[in-house]
Amino acid sequence: QVQLVESGGGLVQPGGSLRLSCAASGFTFSRYVMVWYRQAPGAERELVADISTFSSTYYTDSVKGRFTISRDNAKNMVYLQMNSLKPEDTAVYYCNARKSTDDYWGQGTQVTVSS
C-alpha cells in the first residue's frame, strides 16, 4: 500500500524556519521524482520544489534562496527546509511522488507563518 506521510508543519513567526518531512512507503522511492506542493486558502495548488531521481532540483521563484529540497533514498524520505518564512508561505504543504502514470499524494501538513 502506497503511503506518503508529511510531518513538521506548524505555526512559526515571520523570519523563522521549519523543516517538513515526508515518509514514503509502498513503492520504489528512489525511482520517483519527489515534489512538494502547497495550497493556500482560496488559491490553486502550486508546485514549490521538486527533486529528481538524480537529485537535481527545481524551485518556484518565490522560494528560491529560502527553501531547500532534499531526499534520502536509504530512508525513503524527502525533506523541505524552509528558512526566512513569510506570511505568504502560509499553506497546506503536500508531498507528491510521480513516475510515468504513477501519481501519489500525502494528506498534507499545515504551515502557518504569523506573528
C-alpha atoms as a PDB file:
ATOM      1  CA  GLN A   1       0.000   0.000   0.000  1.00  0.00           C
ATOM      2  CA  VAL A   2       1.414   3.351  -1.057  1.00  0.00           C
ATOM      3  CA  GLN A   3       1.749   5.910   1.704  1.00  0.00           C
ATOM      4  CA  LEU A   4       3.161   9.412   1.878  1.00  0.00           C
ATOM      5  CA  VAL A   5       3.074  10.921   5.347  1.00  0.00           C
ATOM      6  CA  GLU A   6       4.048  14.546   5.860  1.00  0.00           C
ATOM      7  CA  SER A   7       5.169  15.986   9.173  1.00  0.00           C
ATOM      8  CA  GLY A   8       6.874  19.064  10.557  1.00  0.00           C
ATOM      9  CA  GLY A   9       4.283  21.727   9.912  1.00  0.00           C
ATOM     10  CA  GLY A  10       3.150  24.232  12.494  1.00  0.00           C
ATOM     11  CA  LEU A  11       2.950  27.855  13.495  1.00  0.00           C
ATOM     12  CA  VAL A  12       6.081  29.965  13.063  1.00  0.00           C
ATOM     13  CA  GLN A  13       6.819  33.672  13.196  1.00  0.00           C
ATOM     14  CA  PRO A  14       7.906  35.565  10.089  1.00  0.00           C
ATOM     15  CA  GLY A  15      11.609  35.041   9.520  1.00  0.00           C
ATOM     16  CA  GLY A  16      11.540  31.663  11.206  1.00  0.00           C
ATOM     17  CA  SER A  17      12.298  28.208   9.891  1.00  0.00           C
ATOM     18  CA  LEU A  18      10.571  24.858   9.589  1.00  0.00           C
ATOM     19  CA  ARG A  19      11.662  21.522   8.202  1.00  0.00           C
ATOM     20  CA  LEU A  20       8.991  19.404   6.555  1.00  0.00           C
ATOM     21  CA  SER A  21       9.468  15.672   6.192  1.00  0.00           C
ATOM     22  CA  CYS A  22       7.690  13.147   4.029  1.00  0.00           C
ATOM     23  CA  ALA A  23       7.956   9.438   4.766  1.00  0.00           C
ATOM     24  CA  ALA A  24       7.271   7.216   1.766  1.00  0.00           C
ATOM     25  CA  SER A  25       6.381   3.549   1.644  1.00  0.00           C
ATOM     26  CA  GLY A  26       4.815   1.003  -0.681  1.00  0.00           C
ATOM     27  CA  PHE A  27       6.763   1.890  -3.821  1.00  0.00           C
ATOM     28  CA  THR A  28      10.363   2.057  -5.056  1.00  0.00           C
ATOM     29  CA  PHE A  29      11.133   5.507  -3.728  1.00  0.00           C
ATOM     30  CA  SER A  30      14.461   6.013  -5.499  1.00  0.00           C
ATOM     31  CA  ARG A  31      12.795   5.734  -8.922  1.00  0.00           C
ATOM     32  CA  TYR A  32      10.320   8.539  -8.318  1.00  0.00           C
ATOM     33  CA  VAL A  33      10.532  12.280  -8.701  1.00  0.00           C
ATOM     34  CA  MET A  34       9.530  13.796  -5.377  1.00  0.00           C
ATOM     35  CA  VAL A  35       7.664  17.072  -5.237  1.00  0.00           C
ATOM     36  CA  TRP A  36       6.427  19.497  -2.610  1.00  0.00           C
ATOM     37  CA  TYR A  37       3.264  21.408  -3.442  1.00  0.00           C
ATOM     38  CA  ARG A  38       1.334  23.903  -1.378  1.00  0.00           C
ATOM     39  CA  GLN A  39      -2.181  25.260  -1.370  1.00  0.00           C
ATOM     40  CA  ALA A  40      -3.149  28.463   0.354  1.00  0.00           C
ATOM     41  CA  PRO A  41      -6.776  29.228   1.262  1.00  0.00           C
ATOM     42  CA  GLY A  42      -8.715  30.207  -1.843  1.00  0.00           C
ATOM     43  CA  ALA A  43      -5.769  29.535  -4.124  1.00  0.00           C
ATOM     44  CA  GLU A  44      -4.812  26.801  -6.528  1.00  0.00           C
ATOM     45  CA  ARG A  45      -2.270  24.187  -5.564  1.00  0.00           C
ATOM     46  CA  GLU A  46       1.192  25.248  -6.677  1.00  0.00           C
ATOM     47  CA  LEU A  47       4.451  23.407  -7.123  1.00  0.00           C
ATOM     48  CA  VAL A  48       7.032  24.598  -4.603  1.00  0.00           C
ATOM     49  CA  ALA A  49      10.055  22.399  -5.324  1.00  0.00           C
ATOM     50  CA  ASP A  50      10.957  19.071  -6.819  1.00  0.00           C
ATOM     51  CA  ILE A  51      13.903  16.717  -6.795  1.00  0.00           C
ATOM     52  CA  SER A  52      14.682  14.188  -9.470  1.00  0.00           C
ATOM     53  CA  THR A  53      15.929  10.643  -9.107  1.00  0.00           C
ATOM     54  CA  PHE A  54      19.405  12.073  -9.684  1.00  0.00           C
ATOM     55  CA  SER A  55      18.818  14.769  -7.038  1.00  0.00           C
ATOM     56  CA  SER A  56      18.625  17.668  -9.436  1.00  0.00           C
ATOM     57  CA  THR A  57      16.292  20.285  -8.026  1.00  0.00           C
ATOM     58  CA  TYR A  58      13.781  22.882  -9.143  1.00  0.00           C
ATOM     59  CA  TYR A  59      12.242  25.722  -7.125  1.00  0.00           C
ATOM     60  CA  THR A  60       9.460  28.110  -7.866  1.00  0.00           C
ATOM     61  CA  ASP A  61      10.745  31.672  -7.978  1.00  0.00           C
ATOM     62  CA  SER A  62       9.071  32.788  -4.758  1.00  0.00           C
ATOM     63  CA  VAL A  63      11.049  30.315  -2.627  1.00  0.00           C
ATOM     64  CA  LYS A  64      14.444  30.348  -4.349  1.00  0.00           C
ATOM     65  CA  GLY A  65      17.216  31.020  -1.877  1.00  0.00           C
ATOM     66  CA  ARG A  66      14.943  30.314   1.101  1.00  0.00           C
ATOM     67  CA  PHE A  67      13.796  26.694   0.684  1.00  0.00           C
ATOM     68  CA  THR A  68      15.872  23.573   0.117  1.00  0.00           C
ATOM     69  CA  ILE A  69      14.511  20.215  -1.004  1.00  0.00           C
ATOM     70  CA  SER A  70      16.484  17.048  -0.343  1.00  0.00           C
ATOM     71  CA  ARG A  71      15.959  13.302  -0.355  1.00  0.00           C
ATOM     72  CA  ASP A  72      17.372  10.288   1.439  1.00  0.00           C
ATOM     73  CA  ASN A  73      16.810   7.213  -0.677  1.00  0.00           C
ATOM     74  CA  ALA A  74      18.111   4.912   2.050  1.00  0.00           C
ATOM     75  CA  LYS A  75      15.373   6.119   4.393  1.00  0.00           C
ATOM     76  CA  ASN A  76      12.652   6.742   1.777  1.00  0.00           C
ATOM     77  CA  MET A  77      12.393  10.332   2.960  1.00  0.00           C
ATOM     78  CA  VAL A  78      12.101  13.710   1.290  1.00  0.00           C
ATOM     79  CA  TYR A  79      12.557  16.980   3.134  1.00  0.00           C
ATOM     80  CA  LEU A  80      11.792  20.640   2.641  1.00  0.00           C
ATOM     81  CA  GLN A  81      13.915  23.018   4.709  1.00  0.00           C
ATOM     82  CA  MET A  82      12.138  26.363   4.825  1.00  0.00           C
ATOM     83  CA  ASN A  83      14.019  29.424   6.042  1.00  0.00           C
ATOM     84  CA  SER A  84      13.148  33.112   6.194  1.00  0.00           C
ATOM     85  CA  LEU A  85       9.478  32.228   6.179  1.00  0.00           C
ATOM     86  CA  LYS A  86       6.960  34.849   5.141  1.00  0.00           C
ATOM     87  CA  PRO A  87       3.222  35.143   5.839  1.00  0.00           C
ATOM     88  CA  GLU A  88       2.600  34.362   2.165  1.00  0.00           C
ATOM     89  CA  ASP A  89       4.172  30.929   2.709  1.00  0.00           C
ATOM     90  CA  THR A  90       1.137  30.003   4.801  1.00  0.00           C
ATOM     91  CA  ALA A  91      -0.494  26.980   3.185  1.00  0.00           C
ATOM     92  CA  VAL A  92      -1.075  23.274   3.420  1.00  0.00           C
ATOM     93  CA  TYR A  93       2.045  21.583   2.089  1.00  0.00           C
ATOM     94  CA  TYR A  94       1.706  18.296   0.216  1.00  0.00           C
ATOM     95  CA  CYS A  95       4.229  15.641  -0.673  1.00  0.00           C
ATOM     96  CA  ASN A  96       3.880  14.088  -4.133  1.00  0.00           C
ATOM     97  CA  ALA A  97       5.633  11.176  -5.835  1.00  0.00           C
ATOM     98  CA  ARG A  98       5.450  10.736  -9.576  1.00  0.00           C
ATOM     99  CA  LYS A  99       6.786   8.427 -12.251  1.00  0.00           C
ATOM    100  CA  SER A 100       5.192   7.834 -15.618  1.00  0.00           C
ATOM    101  CA  THR A 101       1.478   7.421 -14.872  1.00  0.00           C
ATOM    102  CA  ASP A 102       2.016   6.953 -11.119  1.00  0.00           C
ATOM    103  CA  ASP A 103       0.985   9.970  -9.075  1.00  0.00           C
ATOM    104  CA  TYR A 104       0.844   9.609  -5.286  1.00  0.00           C
ATOM    105  CA  TRP A 105      -0.138  12.220  -2.705  1.00  0.00           C
ATOM    106  CA  GLY A 106       0.109  12.686   1.009  1.00  0.00           C
ATOM    107  CA  GLN A 107      -2.571  14.219   3.200  1.00  0.00           C
ATOM    108  CA  GLY A 108      -0.709  17.462   3.748  1.00  0.00           C
ATOM    109  CA  THR A 109       0.678  19.390   6.681  1.00  0.00           C
ATOM    110  CA  GLN A 110      -0.347  22.911   7.666  1.00  0.00           C
ATOM    111  CA  VAL A 111       2.253  25.663   7.770  1.00  0.00           C
ATOM    112  CA  THR A 112       1.176  28.977   9.256  1.00  0.00           C
ATOM    113  CA  VAL A 113       3.503  31.961   9.289  1.00  0.00           C
ATOM    114  CA  SER A 114       2.175  34.651  11.580  1.00  0.00           C
ATOM    115  CA  SER A 115       3.236  36.912  14.404  1.00  0.00           C
END
